Amino acid sequence: MITFKKIKYRNFLSTGQPWTEINFQEYNTNLIIGTNGAGKSTMLDALTFALFNKPFRKINKGQLVNTVNEKDCVVEIEFSVNSRDYLVRRGIKPNIFDIEVNGNPLHKQADDRTNQKILEENILKVNYKSFTQIVILGSSTFVPFMQLSGTNRREVIEDLLDIRIFSAMNNLIRENMRLQKEKIKSLDLKKDNIKDKMSMQRNFIKELEEQGKNSIQDKNSKIKVLSIEVDTHLEHNELKESNIAELIKEQEEVTGATEKLKKLNNLKGKITQKVATITKEHKFFTDNSVCPTCTQDIEEEFRVNRITDVQDKAKELKKGYEDLEETIKLESERERHFTQLSKEITKLNHDISQNNTRVSINQRQIRELEEEIQILANQLKNRNTEHEKLEEFKENLQKTIEDLATRREDINHYDFAYSLLKDDGVKTKIIKKYLPFINRQVNRYLQLMDFYINFTLDEEFNETVKSPIHEDFSYSSFSEGEKMRIDLALLFTWREVARVKNSVNTNLLIMDEVFDSSLDGFGTDEFLKIIRFVIKDANIFVISHKSDLHDKFENVIKFDKVKGFSRMVS
């Protein structure tokens, strides 16, 4: 139960710097009177502003600050819930929002919005709409239960029956369902992604193995071809080296022909010179019988002998020359053969050098291919790593599938719980249970107010009204005075439900100007009997312009304007 103790405020609307303080517990029945604009209804605005950060009447928050002082607008309200005492302090210019529990500040949350949520959901356990339905009945800006929408009516009843928790649970379940569906969607995408990766990994492994094996085979074939070429070149070199050896051996046999030919040519020159000398001498002795130099006669015998000797020498030289010519010819042939052998040897050496170059190139290519084969072989060995990656994908896929199954099962559980907690589920069953009590209480209070109709609310909170005279009515078809009686009956009923459920039960009941308009037509005394004797454990405040009600209430509070400020004068 919420027990309101007192409220005080300053610089709030028309009140000035001095505190205006109202004790909620001192008297059971209280009458608040005053002229228009004196500040009678200010307490309503201060009350809802302190608790819910919004005034009861349609006033902007900025307009709550006194227009003369223009600052230091503060409202404090004290109340208890069970065994805990609370003080809520709220202000404008500067902004203030403090909550104290048993004299100690409530732990300050991240922001005022969070603290407001704690105040409504954890401490008061009622929102603005439901609070006004069980605490306040006002003729100005107040929206009675029967004028609320179906959704808002349900909120009020759920607060009274303390079943809003089901709505909160339902909202939580719905949010969890939304999150789970989003997670399932994400996991489905993850599953498809893993499958795609597995497919690519399998193709990669297959391609790796196929390409590796094919490449190794191809490179081994190239190595085989290159090895054959190397062997061929080496064999050719061996043959050429053998040929060179034979040519060198053959060359050794004709070695020195050039030198010998030189000597022979020199000898040939000497023989040719001697032949020329002999020929000259022969011609001299043949042509001359007298010495041309000394003019002496040459002896004929000497001359003949000399001619004969010269002729013999000429024959001998001719024979030697011919032999020499033959020898020179032979040696020239030997020299040409040596030169030819040298050319052949040079060519063979050149061929061997070229073959060796080709062998080196081929051997280098073979080494490179062998290295490439080793790399490919290592890659093929490392395909185990790729298989491990594939296994990891499989494990992730299995985990994802299991996670999906779990979450889909959770969705089914949430869906079942959601169906139970919907408006037509458990809540409706509870509401149906209390509807007979609610309808009995409403009609009881209507009869106490001499209004004899049969008023019934269904589980959708739509009314059915019957009377002995007319079969069917609706709330909107009644006069304002009759509507007020229905509103009062509902107000009293809600308080009775709150008392029975001990949900949002409270001692405070405020009625604003109910005697001043719509209730003129029915007996004030009867109404006062109801609020005095029927509404139990309540501190009732009635705001009115009527001054003839003083003796009907235990306490009278009067407001008046003093120097432009609203003040309590009694």
Protein backbone atom coordinates (compact mmCIF):
# COMPACT_ATOMS: atom_id res chain seq x y z
CA MET A 1 0.00 0.00 0.00
CA ILE A 2 1.11 3.54 -0.85
CA THR A 3 0.54 5.87 2.06
CA PHE A 4 0.96 9.52 1.09
CA LYS A 5 2.03 11.66 4.07
CA LYS A 6 2.48 15.22 2.88
CA ILE A 7 3.36 17.46 -0.03
CA LYS A 8 4.97 20.85 -0.12
CA TYR A 9 5.88 23.18 -2.97
CA ARG A 10 7.15 26.68 -3.69
CA ASN A 11 7.45 28.90 -6.72
CA PHE A 12 5.10 26.41 -8.34
CA LEU A 13 2.51 28.05 -10.60
CA SER A 14 0.99 30.91 -8.58
CA THR A 15 2.68 30.03 -5.25
CA GLY A 16 5.65 32.13 -4.16
CA GLN A 17 8.89 31.49 -2.31
CA PRO A 18 7.33 30.36 1.03
CA TRP A 19 6.52 26.67 1.18
CA THR A 20 2.93 25.57 0.77
CA GLU A 21 2.55 22.35 2.76
CA ILE A 22 -0.45 19.97 2.87
CA ASN A 23 -0.67 17.05 5.29
CA PHE A 24 -2.36 14.07 3.64
CA GLN A 25 -2.80 11.95 6.80
CA GLU A 26 -4.09 14.35 9.46
CA TYR A 27 -7.80 14.17 8.52
CA ASN A 28 -9.92 11.65 6.65
CA THR A 29 -12.10 14.22 4.93
CA ASN A 30 -10.74 17.54 3.71
CA LEU A 31 -12.39 20.36 1.83
CA ILE A 32 -10.25 22.68 -0.29
CA ILE A 33 -11.99 25.93 -1.16
CA GLY A 34 -11.11 29.25 -2.72
CA THR A 35 -11.95 31.58 -5.55
CA ASN A 36 -11.02 30.96 -9.14
CA GLY A 37 -7.26 31.28 -9.61
CA ALA A 38 -6.57 31.07 -5.88
CA GLY A 39 -4.58 27.85 -6.29
CA LYS A 40 -7.03 25.16 -5.14
CA SER A 41 -6.12 22.70 -7.88
CA THR A 42 -2.39 23.48 -7.76
CA MET A 43 -1.94 20.55 -5.39
CA LEU A 44 -3.07 18.14 -8.17
CA ASP A 45 -0.44 19.48 -10.57
CA ALA A 46 2.25 19.43 -7.88
CA LEU A 47 1.35 15.84 -6.96
CA THR A 48 1.54 14.40 -10.48
CA PHE A 49 4.58 16.55 -11.37
CA ALA A 50 6.51 15.26 -8.37
CA LEU A 51 5.63 11.62 -9.08
CA PHE A 52 5.44 11.49 -12.89
CA ASN A 53 7.20 14.64 -14.12
CA LYS A 54 3.99 15.98 -15.71
CA PRO A 55 1.20 18.22 -14.31
CA PHE A 56 -2.37 16.98 -13.98
CA ARG A 57 -3.74 19.78 -16.12
CA LYS A 58 -2.64 20.58 -19.66
CA ILE A 59 0.22 22.92 -18.72
CA ASN A 60 3.67 23.01 -20.26
CA LYS A 61 6.46 22.20 -17.81
CA GLY A 62 8.09 25.55 -18.47
CA GLN A 63 4.90 27.27 -17.34
CA LEU A 64 5.03 25.59 -13.91
CA VAL A 65 7.69 28.03 -12.70
CA ASN A 66 6.23 31.06 -10.93
CA THR A 67 6.25 33.94 -13.43
CA VAL A 68 7.29 36.49 -10.80
CA ASN A 69 10.24 34.71 -9.18
CA GLU A 70 11.08 32.75 -12.36
CA LYS A 71 13.26 30.17 -10.59
CA ASP A 72 13.63 27.75 -7.67
CA CYS A 73 10.46 25.82 -8.51
CA VAL A 74 10.47 22.81 -6.16
CA VAL A 75 7.97 20.11 -5.14
CA GLU A 76 8.59 17.57 -2.38
CA ILE A 77 6.32 14.66 -1.56
CA GLU A 78 6.65 12.14 1.25
CA PHE A 79 5.09 8.70 1.17
CA SER A 80 5.69 5.18 2.40
CA VAL A 81 5.42 1.83 0.67
CA ASN A 82 5.17 -1.04 3.12
CA SER A 83 7.96 -0.37 5.64
CA ARG A 84 10.00 2.07 3.55
CA ASP A 85 9.73 5.84 3.69
CA TYR A 86 10.33 7.78 0.50
CA LEU A 87 10.89 11.43 -0.35
CA VAL A 88 10.76 12.61 -3.97
CA ARG A 89 12.11 16.03 -4.79
CA ARG A 90 11.66 17.53 -8.24
CA GLY A 91 12.47 21.03 -9.40
CA ILE A 92 12.81 23.38 -12.36
CA LYS A 93 15.42 26.14 -12.66
CA PRO A 94 17.51 24.43 -11.55
CA ASN A 95 16.41 20.98 -12.65
CA ILE A 96 16.17 18.61 -9.70
CA PHE A 97 15.16 14.98 -9.42
CA ASP A 98 16.09 13.25 -6.17
CA ILE A 99 14.73 10.12 -4.53
CA GLU A 100 15.45 9.30 -0.89
CA VAL A 101 14.77 5.98 0.82
CA ASN A 102 14.61 6.02 4.62
CA GLY A 103 16.56 9.26 4.59
CA ASN A 104 19.29 8.02 2.25
CA PRO A 105 19.69 9.03 -1.41
CA LEU A 106 18.67 6.39 -3.92
CA HIS A 107 21.60 5.21 -5.97
CA LYS A 108 21.88 7.64 -8.88
CA GLN A 109 21.34 5.87 -12.17
CA ALA A 110 22.62 6.85 -15.58
CA ASP A 111 19.95 9.44 -16.18
CA ASP A 112 16.65 10.84 -14.88
CA ARG A 113 14.70 8.67 -17.32
CA THR A 114 16.09 5.54 -15.68
CA ASN A 115 15.31 6.85 -12.20
CA GLN A 116 11.77 7.71 -13.33
CA LYS A 117 11.36 4.13 -14.53
CA ILE A 118 12.54 2.85 -11.14
CA LEU A 119 10.08 5.17 -9.36
CA GLU A 120 7.10 4.01 -11.42
CA GLU A 121 7.90 0.32 -11.89
CA ASN A 122 9.77 -0.63 -8.71
CA ILE A 123 8.49 1.78 -6.04
CA LEU A 124 5.00 3.03 -6.96
CA LYS A 125 4.26 0.14 -9.33
CA VAL A 126 1.78 2.33 -11.18
CA ASN A 127 1.94 4.72 -14.13
CA TYR A 128 0.36 8.13 -14.55
CA LYS A 129 -2.75 6.87 -16.30
CA SER A 130 -3.61 4.24 -13.69
CA PHE A 131 -2.70 6.53 -10.78
CA THR A 132 -5.14 9.19 -11.91
CA GLN A 133 -7.92 6.60 -12.27
CA ILE A 134 -7.74 5.50 -8.62
CA VAL A 135 -6.53 8.68 -6.87
CA ILE A 136 -8.01 11.61 -8.77
CA LEU A 137 -11.46 12.42 -10.12
CA GLY A 138 -11.44 15.82 -11.72
CA SER A 139 -13.82 17.78 -13.83
CA SER A 140 -11.08 19.59 -15.74
CA THR A 141 -8.73 17.80 -18.16
CA PHE A 142 -9.48 14.51 -16.45
CA VAL A 143 -10.29 11.59 -18.72
CA PRO A 144 -12.63 9.13 -16.93
CA PHE A 145 -12.21 5.41 -17.37
CA MET A 146 -15.18 5.14 -19.72
CA GLN A 147 -13.66 7.74 -22.05
CA LEU A 148 -10.33 5.92 -22.35
CA SER A 149 -9.48 3.78 -25.35
CA GLY A 150 -9.75 0.02 -25.04
CA THR A 151 -5.95 -0.28 -24.76
CA ASN A 152 -5.75 2.32 -22.00
CA ARG A 153 -8.67 0.71 -20.15
CA ARG A 154 -6.80 -2.59 -20.23
CA GLU A 155 -3.63 -0.92 -18.86
CA VAL A 156 -5.58 0.47 -15.89
CA ILE A 157 -7.21 -2.91 -15.10
CA GLU A 158 -3.90 -4.74 -15.48
CA ASP A 159 -2.29 -2.31 -13.03
CA LEU A 160 -5.15 -2.78 -10.54
CA LEU A 161 -5.01 -6.58 -10.82
CA ASP A 162 -1.22 -6.51 -10.73
CA ILE A 163 -0.94 -8.42 -13.98
CA ARG A 164 1.04 -5.85 -15.93
CA ILE A 165 3.97 -8.14 -15.24
CA PHE A 166 2.46 -10.49 -17.81
CA SER A 167 2.51 -7.70 -20.38
CA ALA A 168 6.08 -6.89 -19.44
CA MET A 169 6.94 -10.58 -19.70
CA ASN A 170 5.11 -10.77 -23.00
CA ASN A 171 7.01 -7.76 -24.30
CA LEU A 172 10.24 -9.34 -23.08
CA ILE A 173 9.32 -12.63 -24.76
CA ARG A 174 8.38 -10.79 -27.96
CA GLU A 175 11.70 -8.96 -27.88
CA ASN A 176 13.52 -12.24 -27.21
CA MET A 177 11.62 -13.82 -30.10
CA ARG A 178 12.65 -10.93 -32.33
CA LEU A 179 16.28 -11.28 -31.23
CA GLN A 180 16.14 -15.04 -31.67
CA LYS A 181 14.66 -14.70 -35.17
CA GLU A 182 17.37 -12.21 -36.07
CA LYS A 183 19.97 -14.61 -34.65
CA ILE A 184 18.42 -17.50 -36.59
CA LYS A 185 18.55 -15.40 -39.75
CA SER A 186 22.17 -14.59 -39.01
CA LEU A 187 22.95 -18.26 -38.28
CA ASP A 188 21.21 -19.33 -41.52
CA LEU A 189 23.46 -16.93 -43.41
CA LYS A 190 26.45 -18.23 -41.46
CA LYS A 191 25.45 -21.82 -42.28
CA ASP A 192 25.17 -21.03 -45.99
CA ASN A 193 28.48 -19.18 -45.84
CA ILE A 194 30.21 -22.15 -44.18
CA LYS A 195 28.74 -24.49 -46.81
CA ASP A 196 30.09 -22.24 -49.56
CA LYS A 197 33.51 -22.19 -47.89
CA MET A 198 33.46 -25.98 -47.54
CA SER A 199 32.62 -26.35 -51.22
CA MET A 200 35.43 -24.00 -52.20
CA GLN A 201 37.83 -25.78 -49.85
CA ARG A 202 36.95 -29.19 -51.34
CA ASN A 203 37.47 -27.83 -54.86
CA PHE A 204 40.73 -26.25 -53.76
CA ILE A 205 42.01 -29.53 -52.28
CA LYS A 206 40.94 -31.44 -55.39
CA GLU A 207 42.54 -28.87 -57.67
CA LEU A 208 45.66 -28.83 -55.50
CA GLU A 209 46.01 -32.59 -55.68
CA GLU A 210 45.22 -32.83 -59.39
CA GLN A 211 47.43 -29.92 -60.42
CA GLY A 212 50.21 -31.05 -58.09
CA LYS A 213 50.26 -34.60 -59.41
CA ASN A 214 49.92 -33.49 -63.05
CA SER A 215 52.59 -30.86 -62.63
CA ILE A 216 54.99 -33.31 -60.98
CA GLN A 217 54.35 -35.81 -63.76
CA ASP A 218 54.92 -33.14 -66.42
CA LYS A 219 58.12 -31.93 -64.78
CA ASN A 220 59.41 -35.50 -64.40
CA SER A 221 58.78 -35.99 -68.14
CA LYS A 222 60.76 -32.83 -68.89
CA ILE A 223 63.58 -34.03 -66.61
CA LYS A 224 63.63 -37.35 -68.49
CA VAL A 225 63.89 -35.57 -71.84
CA LEU A 226 66.60 -33.23 -70.54
CA SER A 227 68.50 -36.17 -69.01
CA ILE A 228 68.43 -37.98 -72.37
CA GLU A 229 69.73 -34.82 -74.04
CA VAL A 230 72.53 -34.59 -71.45
CA ASP A 231 73.48 -38.24 -71.99
CA THR A 232 73.40 -37.71 -75.77
CA HIS A 233 75.62 -34.64 -75.53
CA LEU A 234 78.03 -36.45 -73.23
CA GLU A 235 78.15 -39.44 -75.55
CA HIS A 236 78.84 -37.14 -78.49
CA ASN A 237 81.58 -35.48 -76.49
CA GLU A 238 83.15 -38.82 -75.70
CA LEU A 239 83.12 -39.69 -79.43
CA LYS A 240 84.53 -36.30 -80.37
CA GLU A 241 87.21 -36.55 -77.69
CA SER A 242 88.12 -39.97 -79.08
CA ASN A 243 88.30 -38.48 -82.55
CA ILE A 244 90.44 -35.64 -81.25
CA ALA A 245 92.80 -38.15 -79.65
CA GLU A 246 93.12 -39.99 -82.96
CA LEU A 247 93.62 -36.73 -84.86
CA ILE A 248 96.25 -35.60 -82.39
CA LYS A 249 98.00 -38.94 -82.76
CA GLU A 250 97.80 -38.59 -86.53
CA GLN A 251 98.93 -35.00 -86.24
CA GLU A 252 101.96 -36.10 -84.25
CA GLU A 253 102.99 -38.19 -87.22
CA VAL A 254 103.13 -35.17 -89.49
CA THR A 255 104.48 -32.86 -86.86
CA GLY A 256 107.52 -30.84 -88.14
CA ALA A 257 106.46 -30.86 -91.81
CA THR A 258 106.34 -27.12 -91.88
CA GLU A 259 109.83 -26.72 -90.44
CA LYS A 260 111.17 -29.40 -92.73
CA LEU A 261 109.45 -27.77 -95.68
CA LYS A 262 111.09 -24.51 -94.75
CA LYS A 263 114.48 -26.14 -94.67
CA LEU A 264 113.76 -27.89 -97.99
CA ASN A 265 112.71 -24.62 -99.55
CA ASN A 266 115.93 -23.05 -98.31
CA LEU A 267 117.87 -25.95 -99.79
CA LYS A 268 115.89 -25.58 -102.98
CA GLY A 269 116.96 -21.97 -103.14
CA LYS A 270 120.60 -22.90 -102.66
CA ILE A 271 120.33 -25.59 -105.40
CA THR A 272 118.67 -23.10 -107.67
CA GLN A 273 121.52 -20.66 -107.02
CA LYS A 274 124.12 -23.35 -107.73
CA VAL A 275 122.27 -24.33 -110.89
CA ALA A 276 122.31 -20.70 -111.99
CA THR A 277 126.03 -20.46 -111.22
CA ILE A 278 126.79 -23.69 -113.04
CA THR A 279 124.59 -22.63 -115.97
CA LYS A 280 126.47 -19.33 -116.13
CA GLU A 281 129.80 -21.11 -115.91
CA HIS A 282 128.74 -23.61 -118.63
CA LYS A 283 127.63 -20.79 -120.80
CA PHE A 284 130.92 -18.98 -120.15
CA PHE A 285 133.09 -21.87 -121.14
CA THR A 286 130.81 -22.78 -123.98
CA ASP A 287 130.75 -19.30 -125.41
CA ASN A 288 134.31 -18.23 -124.66
CA SER A 289 137.71 -19.65 -125.55
CA VAL A 290 139.48 -16.44 -124.45
CA CYS A 291 139.23 -14.90 -121.05
CA PRO A 292 137.30 -11.69 -121.39
CA THR A 293 139.07 -10.16 -118.46
CA CYS A 294 142.73 -10.95 -119.12
CA THR A 295 142.31 -11.78 -122.83
CA GLN A 296 144.35 -14.93 -122.49
CA ASP A 297 143.36 -18.09 -124.32
CA ILE A 298 141.60 -20.74 -122.36
CA GLU A 299 143.07 -24.12 -122.84
CA GLU A 300 140.76 -26.28 -124.82
CA GLU A 301 141.25 -29.29 -122.58
CA PHE A 302 140.67 -27.22 -119.55
CA ARG A 303 137.67 -25.69 -121.17
CA VAL A 304 136.27 -29.08 -122.24
CA ASN A 305 136.97 -30.61 -118.89
CA ARG A 306 135.39 -27.69 -117.24
CA ILE A 307 132.31 -27.89 -119.44
CA THR A 308 132.10 -31.61 -118.72
CA ASP A 309 132.42 -31.06 -114.95
CA VAL A 310 129.81 -28.36 -115.10
CA GLN A 311 127.52 -30.61 -117.08
CA ASP A 312 128.01 -33.45 -114.55
CA LYS A 313 127.33 -31.11 -111.67
CA ALA A 314 124.29 -29.76 -113.52
CA LYS A 315 122.98 -33.31 -113.94
CA GLU A 316 123.63 -34.06 -110.30
CA LEU A 317 121.95 -30.83 -109.21
CA LYS A 318 119.04 -31.49 -111.53
CA LYS A 319 118.61 -34.93 -110.02
CA GLY A 320 118.88 -33.46 -106.53
CA TYR A 321 116.45 -30.68 -107.43
CA GLU A 322 113.95 -33.13 -108.77
CA ASP A 323 114.27 -35.27 -105.64
CA LEU A 324 113.98 -32.11 -103.55
CA GLU A 325 110.87 -31.04 -105.46
CA GLU A 326 109.36 -34.43 -104.79
CA THR A 327 110.28 -34.18 -101.13
CA ILE A 328 108.87 -30.62 -100.93
CA LYS A 329 105.69 -31.82 -102.55
CA LEU A 330 105.38 -34.59 -100.00
CA GLU A 331 106.12 -32.27 -97.12
CA SER A 332 103.64 -29.68 -98.44
CA GLU A 333 101.01 -32.39 -98.50
CA ARG A 334 101.94 -33.35 -94.95
CA GLU A 335 101.68 -29.67 -93.92
CA ARG A 336 98.22 -29.34 -95.49
CA HIS A 337 97.16 -32.55 -93.73
CA PHE A 338 98.42 -31.17 -90.38
CA THR A 339 96.52 -27.95 -90.93
CA GLN A 340 93.37 -29.89 -91.81
CA LEU A 341 93.81 -32.01 -88.69
CA SER A 342 94.15 -28.85 -86.59
CA LYS A 343 90.94 -27.43 -88.06
CA GLU A 344 89.13 -30.69 -87.38
CA ILE A 345 90.45 -30.76 -83.80
CA THR A 346 89.41 -27.13 -83.29
CA LYS A 347 85.96 -27.86 -84.64
CA LEU A 348 85.63 -30.92 -82.44
CA ASN A 349 86.72 -28.91 -79.38
CA HIS A 350 84.19 -26.22 -80.30
CA ASP A 351 81.47 -28.83 -80.62
CA ILE A 352 82.47 -30.29 -77.27
CA SER A 353 82.33 -26.82 -75.70
CA GLN A 354 78.88 -26.21 -77.13
CA ASN A 355 77.72 -29.60 -75.92
CA ASN A 356 79.10 -28.85 -72.45
CA THR A 357 77.17 -25.57 -72.46
CA ARG A 358 74.01 -27.43 -73.43
CA VAL A 359 74.71 -30.00 -70.72
CA SER A 360 75.13 -27.22 -68.12
CA ILE A 361 71.88 -25.58 -69.25
CA ASN A 362 70.05 -28.90 -69.19
CA GLN A 363 71.47 -29.80 -65.79
CA ARG A 364 70.44 -26.40 -64.41
CA GLN A 365 66.95 -26.91 -65.83
CA ILE A 366 66.86 -30.36 -64.27
CA ARG A 367 67.84 -28.91 -60.87
CA GLU A 368 65.17 -26.23 -61.16
CA LEU A 369 62.55 -28.80 -62.11
CA GLU A 370 63.63 -31.02 -59.21
CA GLU A 371 63.29 -28.07 -56.83
CA GLU A 372 59.84 -27.30 -58.22
CA ILE A 373 58.89 -30.95 -57.82
CA GLN A 374 60.05 -30.80 -54.19
CA ILE A 375 57.94 -27.71 -53.57
CA LEU A 376 54.91 -29.37 -55.13
CA ALA A 377 55.58 -32.50 -53.10
CA ASN A 378 55.70 -30.40 -49.93
CA GLN A 379 52.46 -28.70 -50.95
CA LEU A 380 50.87 -32.06 -51.45
CA LYS A 381 52.12 -33.04 -48.03
CA ASN A 382 50.71 -29.81 -46.64
CA ARG A 383 47.29 -30.62 -48.08
CA ASN A 384 46.71 -32.18 -44.68
CA THR A 385 46.53 -28.60 -43.38
CA GLU A 386 43.86 -27.86 -45.97
CA HIS A 387 42.01 -30.99 -44.87
CA GLU A 388 42.22 -29.72 -41.29
CA LYS A 389 40.67 -26.44 -42.43
CA LEU A 390 37.90 -28.44 -44.07
CA GLU A 391 37.34 -30.33 -40.82
CA GLU A 392 37.15 -27.01 -38.94
CA PHE A 393 34.48 -25.87 -41.40
CA LYS A 394 32.59 -29.12 -40.77
CA GLU A 395 32.76 -28.61 -37.00
CA ASN A 396 31.59 -25.00 -37.32
CA LEU A 397 28.76 -26.12 -39.58
CA GLN A 398 27.68 -28.77 -37.07
CA LYS A 399 27.82 -26.26 -34.20
CA THR A 400 25.82 -23.76 -36.26
CA ILE A 401 23.21 -26.39 -37.12
CA GLU A 402 22.95 -27.38 -33.45
CA ASP A 403 22.70 -23.71 -32.43
CA LEU A 404 19.96 -23.22 -35.02
CA ALA A 405 18.06 -26.24 -33.71
CA THR A 406 18.34 -24.95 -30.12
CA ARG A 407 17.19 -21.48 -31.07
CA ARG A 408 14.29 -22.81 -33.14
CA GLU A 409 13.29 -24.89 -30.13
CA ASP A 410 13.53 -21.74 -27.99
CA ILE A 411 11.33 -19.95 -30.52
CA ASN A 412 8.73 -22.68 -30.08
CA HIS A 413 8.90 -22.27 -26.30
CA TYR A 414 8.68 -18.49 -26.60
CA ASP A 415 5.78 -18.82 -28.98
CA PHE A 416 3.95 -21.05 -26.53
CA ALA A 417 4.63 -18.65 -23.65
CA TYR A 418 3.66 -15.72 -25.86
CA SER A 419 0.33 -17.35 -26.66
CA LEU A 420 -0.30 -17.78 -22.93
CA LEU A 421 0.63 -14.21 -22.05
CA LYS A 422 -1.31 -12.51 -24.84
CA ASP A 423 -4.32 -10.43 -23.97
CA ASP A 424 -6.58 -13.39 -24.68
CA GLY A 425 -4.44 -15.76 -22.61
CA VAL A 426 -3.72 -15.91 -18.89
CA LYS A 427 -4.50 -12.22 -18.39
CA THR A 428 -7.99 -12.63 -19.81
CA LYS A 429 -8.61 -15.58 -17.51
CA ILE A 430 -7.57 -13.50 -14.50
CA ILE A 431 -9.68 -10.55 -15.68
CA LYS A 432 -12.67 -12.88 -16.17
CA LYS A 433 -12.20 -14.06 -12.61
CA TYR A 434 -12.47 -10.50 -11.24
CA LEU A 435 -15.13 -9.15 -13.62
CA PRO A 436 -18.08 -10.38 -11.49
CA PHE A 437 -16.61 -8.65 -8.43
CA ILE A 438 -15.96 -5.45 -10.42
CA ASN A 439 -19.48 -5.38 -11.85
CA ARG A 440 -21.05 -6.05 -8.42
CA GLN A 441 -19.08 -3.21 -6.85
CA VAL A 442 -19.92 -0.75 -9.63
CA ASN A 443 -23.63 -1.46 -9.34
CA ARG A 444 -23.43 -1.32 -5.52
CA TYR A 445 -21.97 2.19 -5.63
CA LEU A 446 -24.48 3.26 -8.30
CA GLN A 447 -27.34 2.15 -6.07
CA LEU A 448 -25.79 3.98 -3.09
CA MET A 449 -25.99 7.06 -5.30
CA ASP A 450 -29.66 6.29 -6.15
CA PHE A 451 -28.80 5.40 -9.71
CA TYR A 452 -30.62 2.14 -10.43
CA ILE A 453 -29.17 0.70 -13.59
CA ASN A 454 -27.42 -2.55 -14.38
CA PHE A 455 -23.91 -1.61 -15.49
CA THR A 456 -21.69 -4.44 -16.77
CA LEU A 457 -18.15 -4.52 -18.22
CA ASP A 458 -17.07 -7.44 -20.41
CA GLU A 459 -13.56 -8.85 -20.80
CA GLU A 460 -12.85 -6.27 -23.51
CA PHE A 461 -14.02 -3.55 -21.05
CA ASN A 462 -16.97 -2.56 -23.19
CA GLU A 463 -20.04 -1.56 -21.18
CA THR A 464 -23.56 -2.92 -21.27
CA VAL A 465 -26.15 -0.76 -19.49
CA LYS A 466 -29.72 -1.86 -18.81
CA SER A 467 -32.50 -0.33 -16.79
CA PRO A 468 -36.05 -1.33 -15.87
CA ILE A 469 -37.35 1.33 -18.23
CA HIS A 470 -35.04 1.07 -21.19
CA GLU A 471 -33.46 -2.11 -22.40
CA ASP A 472 -30.03 -0.91 -23.47
CA PHE A 473 -27.91 2.17 -22.87
CA SER A 474 -24.37 3.25 -23.42
CA TYR A 475 -22.18 5.51 -21.31
CA SER A 476 -22.27 8.25 -23.92
CA SER A 477 -26.07 8.34 -23.92
CA PHE A 478 -26.26 9.56 -20.30
CA SER A 479 -26.33 13.14 -19.02
CA GLU A 480 -23.21 14.68 -17.49
CA GLY A 481 -24.59 14.14 -13.97
CA GLU A 482 -25.31 10.47 -14.70
CA LYS A 483 -21.88 10.06 -16.30
CA MET A 484 -20.33 11.53 -13.15
CA ARG A 485 -22.14 8.94 -11.00
CA ILE A 486 -20.80 6.14 -13.22
CA ASP A 487 -17.31 7.68 -13.05
CA LEU A 488 -17.53 7.86 -9.24
CA ALA A 489 -18.80 4.29 -9.03
CA LEU A 490 -15.88 3.12 -11.18
CA LEU A 491 -13.40 5.18 -9.14
CA PHE A 492 -14.66 3.67 -5.89
CA THR A 493 -14.63 0.22 -7.47
CA TRP A 494 -11.05 0.57 -8.66
CA ARG A 495 -10.00 1.58 -5.19
CA GLU A 496 -11.83 -1.44 -3.79
CA VAL A 497 -10.09 -3.72 -6.30
CA ALA A 498 -6.76 -2.13 -5.37
CA ARG A 499 -7.50 -2.69 -1.69
CA VAL A 500 -8.41 -6.34 -2.28
CA LYS A 501 -5.37 -6.97 -4.50
CA ASN A 502 -3.13 -4.66 -2.46
CA SER A 503 -1.55 -3.70 -5.77
CA VAL A 504 -1.82 0.08 -6.15
CA ASN A 505 -3.89 0.57 -3.02
CA THR A 506 -3.43 4.05 -1.56
CA ASN A 507 -4.82 6.26 1.20
CA LEU A 508 -5.18 9.31 -1.03
CA LEU A 509 -8.36 10.25 -2.91
CA ILE A 510 -8.77 13.67 -4.56
CA MET A 511 -11.92 14.90 -6.25
CA ASP A 512 -11.81 18.16 -8.10
CA GLU A 513 -15.05 20.18 -8.35
CA VAL A 514 -17.35 17.14 -8.33
CA PHE A 515 -19.91 19.08 -6.30
CA ASP A 516 -19.73 22.16 -8.47
CA SER A 517 -21.29 20.92 -11.68
CA SER A 518 -22.33 17.42 -12.50
CA LEU A 519 -23.38 16.33 -9.03
CA ASP A 520 -25.79 19.18 -8.45
CA GLY A 521 -28.63 16.88 -9.23
CA PHE A 522 -28.05 14.24 -6.58
CA GLY A 523 -27.80 14.50 -2.84
CA THR A 524 -24.56 15.81 -1.46
CA ASP A 525 -25.24 14.22 1.87
CA GLU A 526 -25.58 10.79 0.28
CA PHE A 527 -22.32 11.22 -1.52
CA LEU A 528 -20.59 12.38 1.67
CA LYS A 529 -21.90 9.31 3.45
CA ILE A 530 -20.25 7.16 0.77
CA ILE A 531 -16.86 8.82 0.99
CA ARG A 532 -16.99 8.91 4.81
CA PHE A 533 -18.31 5.47 5.65
CA VAL A 534 -17.99 3.32 2.53
CA ILE A 535 -14.57 4.41 1.26
CA LYS A 536 -12.46 3.00 4.09
CA ASP A 537 -8.90 3.89 5.14
CA ALA A 538 -8.80 6.90 2.85
CA ASN A 539 -7.69 10.50 3.20
CA ILE A 540 -10.13 12.33 0.96
CA PHE A 541 -9.60 15.81 -0.47
CA VAL A 542 -12.52 17.52 -2.19
CA ILE A 543 -11.82 20.69 -4.17
CA SER A 544 -14.85 22.95 -4.49
CA HIS A 545 -16.08 26.50 -4.93
CA LYS A 546 -18.97 25.87 -2.57
CA SER A 547 -18.62 27.48 0.83
CA ASP A 548 -21.70 25.77 2.41
CA LEU A 549 -19.87 22.46 2.79
CA HIS A 550 -17.63 23.49 5.68
CA ASP A 551 -19.52 21.57 8.34
CA LYS A 552 -19.55 18.40 6.19
CA PHE A 553 -15.77 17.89 6.43
CA GLU A 554 -13.30 17.32 9.26
CA ASN A 555 -10.88 19.85 7.85
CA VAL A 556 -11.19 22.87 5.59
CA ILE A 557 -8.24 24.30 3.65
CA LYS A 558 -8.70 27.67 2.09
CA PHE A 559 -6.57 29.22 -0.65
CA ASP A 560 -6.50 32.89 -1.55
CA LYS A 561 -4.41 35.31 -3.59
CA VAL A 562 -2.22 37.52 -1.41
CA LYS A 563 -0.18 40.14 -3.28
CA GLY A 564 -0.41 38.08 -6.44
CA PHE A 565 0.66 34.81 -4.80
CA SER A 566 -1.50 31.83 -3.87
CA ARG A 567 -1.37 30.97 -0.18
CA MET A 568 -3.10 28.80 2.38
CA VAL A 569 -5.00 31.15 4.66
CA SER A 570 -6.54 28.64 7.05
